Amino acid sequence: MDFEEFLSTFKLGETVLVEYSAYSRPEILFYDIVTYSKLPIVVDDIMDTLREYYIRLELSGIDVGRLESLKVIKTGGSRSIGNVLGKLELGKYIMNIGEYTKIMEKAGEPPFTNPVLGIHKLIFLGNMLENMKLLKMLSDYVGNESRVAFYFLNRDATEKFSPAILAMMEEISTSVVLLEGETIIVKKAIDEDLLGEKIPLLKP
């Protein structure tokens, strides 16, 4: 299975958890999703994670021009990349779904591919009650056919901080993929035939 075929297997309403280690390069997977998605892209940028990806891609000699026109919803942070539709203050992302929905409406006609970058940073900042509200929000969006969401999460850091939160995120998600080196490994999927499938990243 190649990357484009892999991307096409996800259905509207899916929540895909993308787990990566501190030594992997999630920015390459993000770039591949942006490049090969057949749906318009709306990025959730949590605490300037998009800029981190942008800088690493640029330093690798990759053309980052396509990232500069992406529609973006920012949560926290101060360094903007792309066309920022609106900004949520830290905490409100968890508490106020209505405000988030109003900003998302500026993106245009759904459905979208919705990469969410840096979700683990919200987990680290939240107390247990806030993290349970975050999980409830993620759960409420599962089945929402206005998007296919990809939540990018540093597994190493999250597992050390809260194994329980990580386990619940995996349970909530319809699909879980693990990025190991230059390979995507399917750990959970709606289509059980995909379990264990290994897909190579496409180098830009």
Protein backbone atom coordinates (compact mmCIF):
# COMPACT_ATOMS: atom_id res chain seq x y z
CA MET A 1 0.00 0.00 0.00
CA ASP A 2 1.39 3.40 -0.93
CA PHE A 3 0.82 6.63 0.99
CA GLU A 4 -1.96 8.01 -1.23
CA GLU A 5 -3.92 4.77 -0.95
CA PHE A 6 -3.35 4.78 2.82
CA LEU A 7 -4.68 8.33 3.15
CA SER A 8 -7.77 7.45 1.12
CA THR A 9 -8.75 4.66 3.55
CA PHE A 10 -9.86 7.11 6.24
CA LYS A 11 -13.56 7.93 6.27
CA LEU A 12 -15.29 11.21 7.05
CA GLY A 13 -15.89 11.40 10.78
CA GLU A 14 -12.73 9.51 11.70
CA THR A 15 -10.35 10.58 14.45
CA VAL A 16 -6.84 9.34 13.68
CA LEU A 17 -4.25 9.42 16.46
CA VAL A 18 -0.73 9.86 15.08
CA GLU A 19 1.81 8.76 17.69
CA TYR A 20 5.47 9.59 17.22
CA SER A 21 8.68 9.47 19.25
CA ALA A 22 10.98 12.34 20.09
CA TYR A 23 13.39 11.01 17.46
CA SER A 24 10.96 10.72 14.55
CA ARG A 25 9.96 13.40 12.06
CA PRO A 26 6.23 14.04 12.27
CA GLU A 27 6.64 17.13 10.10
CA ILE A 28 7.29 14.86 7.09
CA LEU A 29 4.04 12.97 7.67
CA PHE A 30 2.22 16.27 8.13
CA TYR A 31 3.69 17.57 4.86
CA ASP A 32 2.64 14.39 3.06
CA ILE A 33 -0.92 14.75 4.38
CA VAL A 34 -1.06 18.37 3.21
CA THR A 35 0.34 17.40 -0.18
CA TYR A 36 -1.83 14.36 -0.92
CA SER A 37 -5.13 15.07 0.83
CA LYS A 38 -8.03 15.27 -1.60
CA LEU A 39 -9.92 17.48 0.89
CA PRO A 40 -9.13 21.09 1.82
CA ILE A 41 -6.83 21.42 4.83
CA VAL A 42 -7.57 23.21 8.11
CA VAL A 43 -4.76 22.99 10.67
CA ASP A 44 -5.14 23.27 14.44
CA ASP A 45 -1.84 24.79 15.59
CA ILE A 46 -1.30 24.34 19.32
CA MET A 47 1.40 26.52 20.89
CA ASP A 48 3.33 27.19 17.66
CA THR A 49 3.81 23.54 16.70
CA LEU A 50 3.15 24.42 13.05
CA ARG A 51 6.06 26.85 13.13
CA GLU A 52 8.30 24.12 14.60
CA TYR A 53 7.34 21.85 11.70
CA TYR A 54 7.79 24.68 9.19
CA ILE A 55 11.32 25.50 10.40
CA ARG A 56 12.46 21.87 10.41
CA LEU A 57 11.10 21.31 6.90
CA GLU A 58 12.73 24.51 5.66
CA LEU A 59 16.09 23.54 7.18
CA SER A 60 15.78 20.20 5.34
CA GLY A 61 15.61 22.06 2.05
CA ILE A 62 11.93 21.28 1.48
CA ASP A 63 9.73 23.83 -0.29
CA VAL A 64 7.48 25.13 2.48
CA GLY A 65 5.53 27.53 0.26
CA ARG A 66 2.38 25.39 0.34
CA LEU A 67 2.27 25.72 4.14
CA GLU A 68 2.09 29.51 3.99
CA SER A 69 -1.42 29.49 2.53
CA LEU A 70 -2.91 26.87 4.87
CA LYS A 71 -6.00 27.79 6.87
CA VAL A 72 -5.04 27.69 10.54
CA ILE A 73 -6.76 27.84 13.93
CA LYS A 74 -4.24 28.80 16.62
CA THR A 75 -4.37 27.83 20.27
CA GLY A 76 -1.83 29.72 22.34
CA GLY A 77 1.57 30.64 20.96
CA SER A 78 2.68 33.83 19.24
CA ARG A 79 4.32 32.79 15.95
CA SER A 80 1.91 32.41 13.07
CA ILE A 81 2.29 30.43 9.85
CA GLY A 82 -0.44 30.37 7.21
CA ASN A 83 -3.80 32.10 7.04
CA VAL A 84 -4.89 32.31 10.69
CA LEU A 85 -8.69 32.18 10.87
CA GLY A 86 -8.80 32.83 14.60
CA LYS A 87 -7.00 32.31 17.88
CA LEU A 88 -8.12 30.57 21.05
CA GLU A 89 -6.51 31.37 24.37
CA LEU A 90 -5.11 28.44 26.29
CA GLY A 91 -7.83 26.79 28.27
CA LYS A 92 -10.67 27.94 26.04
CA TYR A 93 -9.85 25.23 23.51
CA ILE A 94 -10.86 22.72 26.15
CA MET A 95 -13.77 24.67 27.62
CA ASN A 96 -15.48 26.46 24.75
CA ILE A 97 -16.43 24.31 21.78
CA GLY A 98 -18.78 27.04 20.56
CA GLU A 99 -15.92 29.50 20.06
CA TYR A 100 -13.91 26.88 18.19
CA THR A 101 -16.90 26.09 15.96
CA LYS A 102 -17.34 29.78 15.06
CA ILE A 103 -13.73 29.99 13.93
CA MET A 104 -14.00 26.74 11.96
CA GLU A 105 -16.99 28.17 10.08
CA LYS A 106 -14.62 30.74 8.53
CA ALA A 107 -12.79 27.92 6.76
CA GLY A 108 -15.54 27.51 4.17
CA GLU A 109 -17.55 24.53 3.06
CA PRO A 110 -16.64 21.21 4.73
CA PRO A 111 -15.51 18.46 4.69
CA PHE A 112 -11.87 19.06 5.60
CA THR A 113 -8.74 17.19 6.45
CA ASN A 114 -7.90 18.53 9.91
CA PRO A 115 -4.36 17.94 11.23
CA VAL A 116 -4.17 18.89 14.93
CA LEU A 117 -0.56 19.60 15.83
CA GLY A 118 0.77 19.45 19.39
CA ILE A 119 -2.24 18.00 21.23
CA HIS A 120 0.12 16.67 23.94
CA LYS A 121 1.00 20.24 24.92
CA LEU A 122 -2.59 20.81 26.03
CA ILE A 123 -2.46 17.62 28.06
CA PHE A 124 0.69 18.78 29.88
CA LEU A 125 -0.89 22.12 30.78
CA GLY A 126 -4.20 20.68 31.97
CA ASN A 127 -5.16 19.25 35.32
CA MET A 128 -7.11 15.99 35.45
CA LEU A 129 -10.50 17.70 35.17
CA GLU A 130 -9.38 19.76 32.17
CA ASN A 131 -7.90 16.69 30.50
CA MET A 132 -11.12 14.77 30.98
CA LYS A 133 -12.98 17.67 29.34
CA LEU A 134 -10.47 17.57 26.48
CA LEU A 135 -11.09 13.84 26.04
CA LYS A 136 -14.84 14.47 26.10
CA MET A 137 -14.44 17.08 23.36
CA LEU A 138 -12.37 14.69 21.23
CA SER A 139 -14.98 11.99 21.76
CA ASP A 140 -17.81 14.32 20.75
CA TYR A 141 -16.11 15.02 17.41
CA VAL A 142 -15.78 11.33 16.50
CA GLY A 143 -18.33 10.67 13.76
CA ASN A 144 -18.53 14.35 12.76
CA GLU A 145 -18.50 14.00 8.98
CA SER A 146 -17.31 17.55 8.41
CA ARG A 147 -13.73 16.37 8.78
CA VAL A 148 -11.12 13.65 9.03
CA ALA A 149 -8.94 14.61 11.99
CA PHE A 150 -5.28 13.65 12.53
CA TYR A 151 -4.09 14.30 16.09
CA PHE A 152 -0.29 14.47 16.23
CA LEU A 153 0.94 13.36 19.67
CA ASN A 154 4.41 12.87 21.14
CA ARG A 155 3.95 9.39 22.56
CA ASP A 156 7.18 9.34 24.59
CA ALA A 157 6.29 12.47 26.54
CA THR A 158 2.60 11.65 26.96
CA GLU A 159 3.23 8.11 28.17
CA LYS A 160 5.57 9.40 30.88
CA PHE A 161 3.21 12.21 31.88
CA SER A 162 -0.04 10.27 31.94
CA PRO A 163 -0.31 6.68 30.66
CA ALA A 164 -4.04 6.79 31.46
CA ILE A 165 -4.70 9.81 29.22
CA LEU A 166 -2.73 8.16 26.40
CA ALA A 167 -4.72 4.95 26.75
CA MET A 168 -8.03 6.82 26.72
CA MET A 169 -7.00 8.79 23.62
CA GLU A 170 -6.20 5.51 21.88
CA GLU A 171 -9.57 4.12 22.91
CA ILE A 172 -11.48 7.18 21.67
CA SER A 173 -9.69 7.30 18.31
CA THR A 174 -11.09 5.32 15.40
CA SER A 175 -7.57 4.70 14.09
CA VAL A 176 -4.13 4.78 15.68
CA VAL A 177 -0.93 4.94 13.64
CA LEU A 178 2.62 4.87 14.92
CA LEU A 179 5.41 6.72 13.15
CA GLU A 180 8.68 4.80 13.43
CA GLY A 181 11.55 6.26 11.47
CA GLU A 182 10.30 6.59 7.90
CA THR A 183 7.48 4.07 8.32
CA ILE A 184 3.85 4.43 9.40
CA ILE A 185 2.50 1.36 11.24
CA VAL A 186 -1.25 0.89 11.62
CA LYS A 187 -2.01 -0.15 15.23
CA LYS A 188 -5.80 0.31 15.17
CA ALA A 189 -8.24 0.75 12.30
CA ILE A 190 -11.92 0.58 11.41
CA ASP A 191 -10.92 -1.76 8.59
CA GLU A 192 -9.21 -4.62 10.44
CA ASP A 193 -7.48 -5.69 7.23
CA LEU A 194 -5.24 -2.65 7.70
CA LEU A 195 -3.93 -3.73 11.12
CA GLY A 196 -0.16 -4.12 11.04
CA GLU A 197 0.10 -2.49 7.63
CA LYS A 198 3.38 -0.61 7.10
CA ILE A 199 3.40 2.41 4.82
CA PRO A 200 6.56 4.30 3.85
CA LEU A 201 6.60 8.06 4.21
CA LEU A 202 6.97 9.98 0.98
CA LYS A 203 10.03 12.18 1.12
CA PRO A 204 9.21 15.63 -0.30
